[in-house]
Amino acid sequence: MDGYDLDLDDIDFAPVEHDVERLRLLTLDEAYDLLNVLRRVAQEGGSAAGEADRLAREIGARIPSAD
């Protein structure tokens, strides 16, 4: 990503309580791995499938396509 300058001060983060610690950002590879796991859980069915599908859609909408 040559020439891409990310300034964290320009990003609007979701509001959080002041006593809550924010987790560090995932790398793009970590986000793809998490997305793949969530998709597998959603496809297998079971009690966590609905939530896994919802989270996979949320994360998938926020990261660039792997293609």
Protein backbone atom coordinates (compact mmCIF):
# COMPACT_ATOMS: atom_id res chain seq x y z
CA MET A 1 0.00 0.00 0.00
CA ASP A 2 2.61 2.49 -1.10
CA GLY A 3 1.74 6.10 -0.51
CA TYR A 4 -1.11 5.30 1.87
CA ASP A 5 -1.00 7.44 5.00
CA LEU A 6 -3.34 6.46 7.81
CA ASP A 7 -3.87 9.06 10.50
CA LEU A 8 -5.69 7.55 13.47
CA ASP A 9 -6.78 11.04 14.55
CA ASP A 10 -8.93 11.22 11.40
CA ILE A 11 -10.85 8.01 12.19
CA ASP A 12 -14.18 8.18 14.01
CA PHE A 13 -14.09 5.31 16.48
CA ALA A 14 -17.22 4.01 18.13
CA PRO A 15 -17.82 5.61 21.51
CA VAL A 16 -16.77 3.52 24.49
CA GLU A 17 -16.83 3.91 28.23
CA HIS A 18 -13.73 5.67 29.55
CA ASP A 19 -12.86 2.79 31.86
CA VAL A 20 -12.92 0.23 29.02
CA GLU A 21 -9.63 -0.67 27.39
CA ARG A 22 -9.72 -0.70 23.57
CA LEU A 23 -8.16 -3.74 21.92
CA ARG A 24 -5.46 -3.26 19.33
CA LEU A 25 -6.46 -3.52 15.69
CA LEU A 26 -6.30 -6.82 13.86
CA THR A 27 -3.89 -7.23 10.98
CA LEU A 28 -5.52 -7.83 7.63
CA ASP A 29 -4.36 -11.46 7.70
CA GLU A 30 -5.86 -11.91 11.17
CA ALA A 31 -9.15 -10.41 9.97
CA TYR A 32 -9.24 -12.85 7.02
CA ASP A 33 -8.51 -15.77 9.37
CA LEU A 34 -11.25 -14.71 11.76
CA LEU A 35 -13.68 -14.24 8.89
CA ASN A 36 -12.94 -17.76 7.59
CA VAL A 37 -13.49 -19.31 11.02
CA LEU A 38 -16.78 -17.46 11.47
CA ARG A 39 -17.97 -18.56 8.03
CA ARG A 40 -17.14 -22.20 8.85
CA VAL A 41 -19.04 -22.01 12.14
CA ALA A 42 -22.01 -20.45 10.35
CA GLN A 43 -22.01 -23.14 7.65
CA GLU A 44 -21.83 -26.01 10.16
CA GLY A 45 -24.98 -24.89 11.91
CA GLY A 46 -25.62 -25.29 15.59
CA SER A 47 -26.39 -22.81 18.33
CA ALA A 48 -23.62 -20.35 17.38
CA ALA A 49 -24.31 -20.34 13.62
CA GLY A 50 -26.61 -17.32 13.59
CA GLU A 51 -24.25 -15.13 15.58
CA ALA A 52 -21.23 -16.34 13.58
CA ASP A 53 -23.02 -15.46 10.34
CA ARG A 54 -23.90 -11.99 11.64
CA LEU A 55 -20.33 -11.33 12.75
CA ALA A 56 -18.91 -12.67 9.48
CA ARG A 57 -21.10 -10.24 7.55
CA GLU A 58 -20.07 -7.33 9.79
CA ILE A 59 -16.36 -8.09 9.49
CA GLY A 60 -16.61 -8.87 5.79
CA ALA A 61 -18.15 -5.48 5.15
CA ARG A 62 -15.23 -3.74 6.87
CA ILE A 63 -12.22 -5.40 5.21
CA PRO A 64 -11.11 -5.26 1.58
CA SER A 65 -11.84 -8.23 -0.63
CA ALA A 66 -9.17 -10.95 -0.63
CA ASP A 67 -9.59 -11.38 -4.39
